[in-house]
């Protein structure tokens, strides 16, 4: 099981995380994502890794993010 976390770019890779925002289990193909927390970090400028981007894309997070931007404009 892989944890999906938000970390500060200035901290070490294995450093303390800012917040746990989900997990991914490749064996059972089970994913849990805290959508409000992820959307909040992305709105603040967070950059997901390629793997997290792919997992998030499958979950429709970027669709949700673009819908929220449309509502704000």
PDB file of N, CA and C in Angstrom:
ATOM      1  N   UNK A   1       0.849  -1.174   0.000  1.00  0.00           N
ATOM      2  CA  UNK A   1       0.000   0.000   0.000  1.00  0.00           C
ATOM      3  C   UNK A   1       0.897   1.241   0.000  1.00  0.00           C
ATOM      4  N   UNK A   2       0.586   2.173  -0.869  1.00  0.00           N
ATOM      5  CA  UNK A   2       1.341   3.414  -0.974  1.00  0.00           C
ATOM      6  C   UNK A   2       0.512   4.558  -0.408  1.00  0.00           C
ATOM      7  N   UNK A   3       1.126   5.350   0.436  1.00  0.00           N
ATOM      8  CA  UNK A   3       0.457   6.541   0.962  1.00  0.00           C
ATOM      9  C   UNK A   3       0.664   7.679  -0.017  1.00  0.00           C
ATOM     10  N   UNK A   4      -0.351   8.485  -0.186  1.00  0.00           N
ATOM     11  CA  UNK A   4      -0.251   9.687  -1.012  1.00  0.00           C
ATOM     12  C   UNK A   4      -0.259  10.855  -0.051  1.00  0.00           C
ATOM     13  N   UNK A   5       0.838  11.615  -0.047  1.00  0.00           N
ATOM     14  CA  UNK A   5       0.994  12.698   0.919  1.00  0.00           C
ATOM     15  C   UNK A   5       1.377  13.995   0.218  1.00  0.00           C
ATOM     16  N   UNK A   6       1.126  15.089   0.896  1.00  0.00           N
ATOM     17  CA  UNK A   6       1.590  16.398   0.437  1.00  0.00           C
ATOM     18  C   UNK A   6       2.809  16.752   1.281  1.00  0.00           C
ATOM     19  N   UNK A   7       3.893  17.125   0.614  1.00  0.00           N
ATOM     20  CA  UNK A   7       5.105  17.522   1.328  1.00  0.00           C
ATOM     21  C   UNK A   7       5.578  18.877   0.809  1.00  0.00           C
ATOM     22  N   UNK A   8       6.344  19.546   1.621  1.00  0.00           N
ATOM     23  CA  UNK A   8       6.934  20.818   1.226  1.00  0.00           C
ATOM     24  C   UNK A   8       8.132  20.520   0.336  1.00  0.00           C
ATOM     25  N   UNK A   9       8.252  21.232  -0.764  1.00  0.00           N
ATOM     26  CA  UNK A   9       9.331  21.007  -1.725  1.00  0.00           C
ATOM     27  C   UNK A   9      10.711  21.195  -1.081  1.00  0.00           C
ATOM     28  N   UNK A  10      10.772  21.976  -0.030  1.00  0.00           N
ATOM     29  CA  UNK A  10      12.061  22.241   0.609  1.00  0.00           C
ATOM     30  C   UNK A  10      12.476  21.152   1.587  1.00  0.00           C
ATOM     31  N   UNK A  11      11.586  20.202   1.892  1.00  0.00           N
ATOM     32  CA  UNK A  11      11.943  19.144   2.832  1.00  0.00           C
ATOM     33  C   UNK A  11      12.480  17.930   2.085  1.00  0.00           C
ATOM     34  N   UNK A  12      13.107  17.057   2.832  1.00  0.00           N
ATOM     35  CA  UNK A  12      13.657  15.844   2.228  1.00  0.00           C
ATOM     36  C   UNK A  12      12.533  14.960   1.715  1.00  0.00           C
ATOM     37  N   UNK A  13      12.864  14.053   0.820  1.00  0.00           N
ATOM     38  CA  UNK A  13      11.859  13.149   0.250  1.00  0.00           C
ATOM     39  C   UNK A  13      11.185  12.317   1.337  1.00  0.00           C
ATOM     40  N   UNK A  14      11.940  11.826   2.285  1.00  0.00           N
ATOM     41  CA  UNK A  14      11.380  11.032   3.366  1.00  0.00           C
ATOM     42  C   UNK A  14      11.068  11.888   4.585  1.00  0.00           C
ATOM     43  N   UNK A  15      11.025  13.196   4.394  1.00  0.00           N
ATOM     44  CA  UNK A  15      10.757  14.112   5.492  1.00  0.00           C
ATOM     45  C   UNK A  15       9.311  14.049   5.942  1.00  0.00           C
ATOM     46  N   UNK A  16       9.003  14.882   6.891  1.00  0.00           N
ATOM     47  CA  UNK A  16       7.652  14.915   7.442  1.00  0.00           C
ATOM     48  C   UNK A  16       6.665  15.449   6.401  1.00  0.00           C
ATOM     49  N   UNK A  17       5.528  14.772   6.300  1.00  0.00           N
ATOM     50  CA  UNK A  17       4.534  15.210   5.336  1.00  0.00           C
ATOM     51  C   UNK A  17       3.633  16.289   5.941  1.00  0.00           C
ATOM     52  N   UNK A  18       3.112  17.156   5.072  1.00  0.00           N
ATOM     53  CA  UNK A  18       2.184  18.189   5.513  1.00  0.00           C
ATOM     54  C   UNK A  18       0.826  17.582   5.846  1.00  0.00           C
ATOM     55  N   UNK A  19       0.415  16.632   5.008  1.00  0.00           N
ATOM     56  CA  UNK A  19      -0.880  15.993   5.210  1.00  0.00           C
ATOM     57  C   UNK A  19      -0.971  14.732   4.366  1.00  0.00           C
ATOM     58  N   UNK A  20      -1.574  13.698   4.935  1.00  0.00           N
ATOM     59  CA  UNK A  20      -1.863  12.493   4.167  1.00  0.00           C
ATOM     60  C   UNK A  20      -3.157  12.751   3.398  1.00  0.00           C
ATOM     61  N   UNK A  21      -3.127  12.560   2.079  1.00  0.00           N
ATOM     62  CA  UNK A  21      -4.296  12.870   1.262  1.00  0.00           C
ATOM     63  C   UNK A  21      -4.868  11.641   0.562  1.00  0.00           C
ATOM     64  N   UNK A  22      -4.331  10.462   0.831  1.00  0.00           N
ATOM     65  CA  UNK A  22      -4.904   9.263   0.241  1.00  0.00           C
ATOM     66  C   UNK A  22      -3.960   8.083   0.290  1.00  0.00           C
ATOM     67  N   UNK A  23      -4.402   6.983  -0.324  1.00  0.00           N
ATOM     68  CA  UNK A  23      -3.553   5.805  -0.453  1.00  0.00           C
ATOM     69  C   UNK A  23      -3.927   5.066  -1.728  1.00  0.00           C
ATOM     70  N   UNK A  24      -3.015   4.208  -2.161  1.00  0.00           N
ATOM     71  CA  UNK A  24      -3.224   3.398  -3.351  1.00  0.00           C
ATOM     72  C   UNK A  24      -2.672   2.010  -3.085  1.00  0.00           C
ATOM     73  N   UNK A  25      -3.496   0.983  -3.324  1.00  0.00           N
ATOM     74  CA  UNK A  25      -3.086  -0.402  -3.169  1.00  0.00           C
ATOM     75  C   UNK A  25      -3.095  -1.049  -4.556  1.00  0.00           C
ATOM     76  N   UNK A  26      -1.916  -1.252  -5.153  1.00  0.00           N
ATOM     77  CA  UNK A  26      -1.869  -1.795  -6.510  1.00  0.00           C
ATOM     78  C   UNK A  26      -2.304  -3.261  -6.606  1.00  0.00           C
ATOM     79  N   UNK A  27      -2.236  -3.992  -5.503  1.00  0.00           N
ATOM     80  CA  UNK A  27      -2.617  -5.404  -5.537  1.00  0.00           C
ATOM     81  C   UNK A  27      -4.128  -5.549  -5.695  1.00  0.00           C
ATOM     82  N   UNK A  28      -4.869  -4.794  -4.898  1.00  0.00           N
ATOM     83  CA  UNK A  28      -6.335  -4.854  -4.982  1.00  0.00           C
ATOM     84  C   UNK A  28      -6.895  -3.766  -5.889  1.00  0.00           C
ATOM     85  N   UNK A  29      -6.009  -2.914  -6.398  1.00  0.00           N
ATOM     86  CA  UNK A  29      -6.383  -1.777  -7.239  1.00  0.00           C
ATOM     87  C   UNK A  29      -7.383  -0.861  -6.525  1.00  0.00           C
ATOM     88  N   UNK A  30      -7.177  -0.691  -5.219  1.00  0.00           N
ATOM     89  CA  UNK A  30      -8.048   0.148  -4.409  1.00  0.00           C
ATOM     90  C   UNK A  30      -7.376   1.494  -4.183  1.00  0.00           C
ATOM     91  N   UNK A  31      -8.147   2.558  -4.348  1.00  0.00           N
ATOM     92  CA  UNK A  31      -7.631   3.908  -4.173  1.00  0.00           C
ATOM     93  C   UNK A  31      -8.559   4.689  -3.269  1.00  0.00           C
ATOM     94  N   UNK A  32      -7.989   5.436  -2.336  1.00  0.00           N
ATOM     95  CA  UNK A  32      -8.763   6.374  -1.533  1.00  0.00           C
ATOM     96  C   UNK A  32      -8.081   7.732  -1.678  1.00  0.00           C
ATOM     97  N   UNK A  33      -8.844   8.741  -2.056  1.00  0.00           N
ATOM     98  CA  UNK A  33      -8.301  10.085  -2.196  1.00  0.00           C
ATOM     99  C   UNK A  33      -9.192  11.062  -1.442  1.00  0.00           C
ATOM    100  N   UNK A  34      -8.584  11.935  -0.667  1.00  0.00           N
ATOM    101  CA  UNK A  34      -9.302  12.992   0.041  1.00  0.00           C
ATOM    102  C   UNK A  34      -9.416  14.160  -0.942  1.00  0.00           C
ATOM    103  N   UNK A  35     -10.493  14.161  -1.725  1.00  0.00           N
ATOM    104  CA  UNK A  35     -10.650  15.144  -2.801  1.00  0.00           C
ATOM    105  C   UNK A  35     -10.578  16.593  -2.335  1.00  0.00           C
ATOM    106  N   UNK A  36     -11.280  16.982  -1.261  1.00  0.00           N
ATOM    107  CA  UNK A  36     -11.188  18.390  -0.838  1.00  0.00           C
ATOM    108  C   UNK A  36      -9.755  18.814  -0.503  1.00  0.00           C
ATOM    109  N   UNK A  37      -9.013  17.940   0.167  1.00  0.00           N
ATOM    110  CA  UNK A  37      -7.637  18.273   0.538  1.00  0.00           C
ATOM    111  C   UNK A  37      -6.747  18.370  -0.704  1.00  0.00           C
ATOM    112  N   UNK A  38      -6.912  17.435  -1.636  1.00  0.00           N
ATOM    113  CA  UNK A  38      -6.096  17.449  -2.851  1.00  0.00           C
ATOM    114  C   UNK A  38      -6.409  18.689  -3.682  1.00  0.00           C
ATOM    115  N   UNK A  39      -7.678  18.998  -3.851  1.00  0.00           N
ATOM    116  CA  UNK A  39      -8.066  20.187  -4.616  1.00  0.00           C
ATOM    117  C   UNK A  39      -7.514  21.454  -3.974  1.00  0.00           C
ATOM    118  N   UNK A  40      -7.527  21.504  -2.649  1.00  0.00           N
ATOM    119  CA  UNK A  40      -6.994  22.662  -1.934  1.00  0.00           C
ATOM    120  C   UNK A  40      -5.497  22.831  -2.206  1.00  0.00           C
ATOM    121  N   UNK A  41      -4.744  21.740  -2.134  1.00  0.00           N
ATOM    122  CA  UNK A  41      -3.301  21.819  -2.398  1.00  0.00           C
ATOM    123  C   UNK A  41      -3.030  22.210  -3.854  1.00  0.00           C
ATOM    124  N   UNK A  42      -3.799  21.659  -4.789  1.00  0.00           N
ATOM    125  CA  UNK A  42      -3.597  21.995  -6.198  1.00  0.00           C
ATOM    126  C   UNK A  42      -3.912  23.465  -6.466  1.00  0.00           C
ATOM    127  N   UNK A  43      -4.945  23.987  -5.826  1.00  0.00           N
ATOM    128  CA  UNK A  43      -5.280  25.407  -5.980  1.00  0.00           C
ATOM    129  C   UNK A  43      -4.190  26.312  -5.426  1.00  0.00           C
ATOM    130  N   UNK A  44      -3.465  25.816  -4.425  1.00  0.00           N
ATOM    131  CA  UNK A  44      -2.375  26.593  -3.824  1.00  0.00           C
ATOM    132  C   UNK A  44      -1.071  26.443  -4.598  1.00  0.00           C
ATOM    133  N   UNK A  45      -1.091  25.647  -5.687  1.00  0.00           N
ATOM    134  CA  UNK A  45       0.096  25.533  -6.533  1.00  0.00           C
ATOM    135  C   UNK A  45       0.883  24.249  -6.382  1.00  0.00           C
ATOM    136  N   UNK A  46       0.343  23.281  -5.674  1.00  0.00           N
ATOM    137  CA  UNK A  46       1.055  22.010  -5.508  1.00  0.00           C
ATOM    138  C   UNK A  46       1.216  21.322  -6.857  1.00  0.00           C
ATOM    139  N   UNK A  47       2.338  20.639  -7.039  1.00  0.00           N
ATOM    140  CA  UNK A  47       2.626  19.917  -8.270  1.00  0.00           C
ATOM    141  C   UNK A  47       2.686  18.425  -7.960  1.00  0.00           C
ATOM    142  N   UNK A  48       1.744  17.632  -8.472  1.00  0.00           N
ATOM    143  CA  UNK A  48       1.777  16.191  -8.200  1.00  0.00           C
ATOM    144  C   UNK A  48       2.882  15.499  -8.992  1.00  0.00           C
ATOM    145  N   UNK A  49       3.384  14.403  -8.444  1.00  0.00           N
ATOM    146  CA  UNK A  49       4.335  13.588  -9.198  1.00  0.00           C
ATOM    147  C   UNK A  49       3.581  12.949 -10.364  1.00  0.00           C
ATOM    148  N   UNK A  50       4.304  12.397 -11.307  1.00  0.00           N
ATOM    149  CA  UNK A  50       3.659  11.782 -12.467  1.00  0.00           C
ATOM    150  C   UNK A  50       2.737  10.643 -12.029  1.00  0.00           C
ATOM    151  N   UNK A  51       3.181   9.825 -11.071  1.00  0.00           N
ATOM    152  CA  UNK A  51       2.365   8.708 -10.597  1.00  0.00           C
ATOM    153  C   UNK A  51       1.092   9.199  -9.932  1.00  0.00           C
ATOM    154  N   UNK A  52       1.217  10.178  -9.056  1.00  0.00           N
ATOM    155  CA  UNK A  52       0.043  10.725  -8.371  1.00  0.00           C
ATOM    156  C   UNK A  52      -0.871  11.417  -9.383  1.00  0.00           C
ATOM    157  N   UNK A  53      -0.292  12.062 -10.371  1.00  0.00           N
ATOM    158  CA  UNK A  53      -1.090  12.696 -11.428  1.00  0.00           C
ATOM    159  C   UNK A  53      -1.932  11.655 -12.156  1.00  0.00           C
ATOM    160  N   UNK A  54      -1.320  10.513 -12.503  1.00  0.00           N
ATOM    161  CA  UNK A  54      -2.044   9.457 -13.207  1.00  0.00           C
ATOM    162  C   UNK A  54      -3.176   8.882 -12.353  1.00  0.00           C
ATOM    163  N   UNK A  55      -2.894   8.642 -11.067  1.00  0.00           N
ATOM    164  CA  UNK A  55      -3.922   8.136 -10.158  1.00  0.00           C
ATOM    165  C   UNK A  55      -5.048   9.155 -10.016  1.00  0.00           C
ATOM    166  N   UNK A  56      -4.690  10.413  -9.873  1.00  0.00           N
ATOM    167  CA  UNK A  56      -5.680  11.476  -9.720  1.00  0.00           C
ATOM    168  C   UNK A  56      -6.516  11.647 -10.989  1.00  0.00           C
ATOM    169  N   UNK A  57      -5.871  11.494 -12.116  1.00  0.00           N
ATOM    170  CA  UNK A  57      -6.581  11.637 -13.394  1.00  0.00           C
ATOM    171  C   UNK A  57      -7.650  10.557 -13.533  1.00  0.00           C
ATOM    172  N   UNK A  58      -7.309   9.325 -13.148  1.00  0.00           N
ATOM    173  CA  UNK A  58      -8.276   8.232 -13.193  1.00  0.00           C
ATOM    174  C   UNK A  58      -9.459   8.514 -12.270  1.00  0.00           C
ATOM    175  N   UNK A  59      -9.189   9.197 -11.162  1.00  0.00           N
ATOM    176  CA  UNK A  59     -10.244   9.505 -10.187  1.00  0.00           C
ATOM    177  C   UNK A  59     -11.058  10.733 -10.588  1.00  0.00           C
ATOM    178  N   UNK A  60     -10.637  11.442 -11.624  1.00  0.00           N
ATOM    179  CA  UNK A  60     -11.385  12.599 -12.092  1.00  0.00           C
ATOM    180  C   UNK A  60     -11.129  13.877 -11.323  1.00  0.00           C
ATOM    181  N   UNK A  61     -10.015  13.961 -10.621  1.00  0.00           N
ATOM    182  CA  UNK A  61      -9.719  15.157  -9.828  1.00  0.00           C
ATOM    183  C   UNK A  61      -9.529  16.374 -10.716  1.00  0.00           C
ATOM    184  N   UNK A  62      -8.894  16.220 -11.860  1.00  0.00           N
ATOM    185  CA  UNK A  62      -8.622  17.374 -12.706  1.00  0.00           C
ATOM    186  C   UNK A  62      -9.896  17.871 -13.382  1.00  0.00           C
ATOM    187  N   UNK A  63     -10.845  16.989 -13.600  1.00  0.00           N
ATOM    188  CA  UNK A  63     -12.155  17.407 -14.096  1.00  0.00           C
ATOM    189  C   UNK A  63     -12.839  18.251 -13.034  1.00  0.00           C
ATOM    190  N   UNK A  64     -12.774  17.778 -11.787  1.00  0.00           N
ATOM    191  CA  UNK A  64     -13.362  18.515 -10.662  1.00  0.00           C
ATOM    192  C   UNK A  64     -12.698  19.879 -10.513  1.00  0.00           C
ATOM    193  N   UNK A  65     -11.379  19.920 -10.655  1.00  0.00           N
ATOM    194  CA  UNK A  65     -10.646  21.180 -10.523  1.00  0.00           C
ATOM    195  C   UNK A  65     -11.051  22.165 -11.623  1.00  0.00           C
ATOM    196  N   UNK A  66     -11.179  21.683 -12.849  1.00  0.00           N
ATOM    197  CA  UNK A  66     -11.572  22.584 -13.940  1.00  0.00           C
ATOM    198  C   UNK A  66     -13.017  23.052 -13.780  1.00  0.00           C
ATOM    199  N   UNK A  67     -13.890  22.205 -13.232  1.00  0.00           N
ATOM    200  CA  UNK A  67     -15.271  22.626 -12.970  1.00  0.00           C
ATOM    201  C   UNK A  67     -15.314  23.732 -11.922  1.00  0.00           C
ATOM    202  N   UNK A  68     -14.487  23.600 -10.888  1.00  0.00           N
ATOM    203  CA  UNK A  68     -14.438  24.617  -9.850  1.00  0.00           C
ATOM    204  C   UNK A  68     -13.909  25.943 -10.404  1.00  0.00           C
ATOM    205  N   UNK A  69     -12.919  25.894 -11.294  1.00  0.00           N
ATOM    206  CA  UNK A  69     -12.386  27.117 -11.899  1.00  0.00           C
ATOM    207  C   UNK A  69     -13.447  27.797 -12.750  1.00  0.00           C
ATOM    208  N   UNK A  70     -14.235  26.992 -13.474  1.00  0.00           N
ATOM    209  CA  UNK A  70     -15.303  27.550 -14.306  1.00  0.00           C
ATOM    210  C   UNK A  70     -16.348  28.244 -13.455  1.00  0.00           C
ATOM    211  N   UNK A  71     -16.680  27.654 -12.312  1.00  0.00           N
ATOM    212  CA  UNK A  71     -17.680  28.247 -11.412  1.00  0.00           C
ATOM    213  C   UNK A  71     -17.191  29.574 -10.833  1.00  0.00           C
ATOM    214  N   UNK A  72     -15.893  29.687 -10.616  1.00  0.00           N
ATOM    215  CA  UNK A  72     -15.334  30.900 -10.014  1.00  0.00           C
ATOM    216  C   UNK A  72     -15.278  32.046 -11.014  1.00  0.00           C
ATOM    217  N   UNK A  73     -15.155  31.748 -12.313  1.00  0.00           N
ATOM    218  CA  UNK A  73     -15.027  32.794 -13.345  1.00  0.00           C
ATOM    219  C   UNK A  73     -16.323  33.338 -13.772  1.00  0.00           C
TER     220      UNK A  73
END
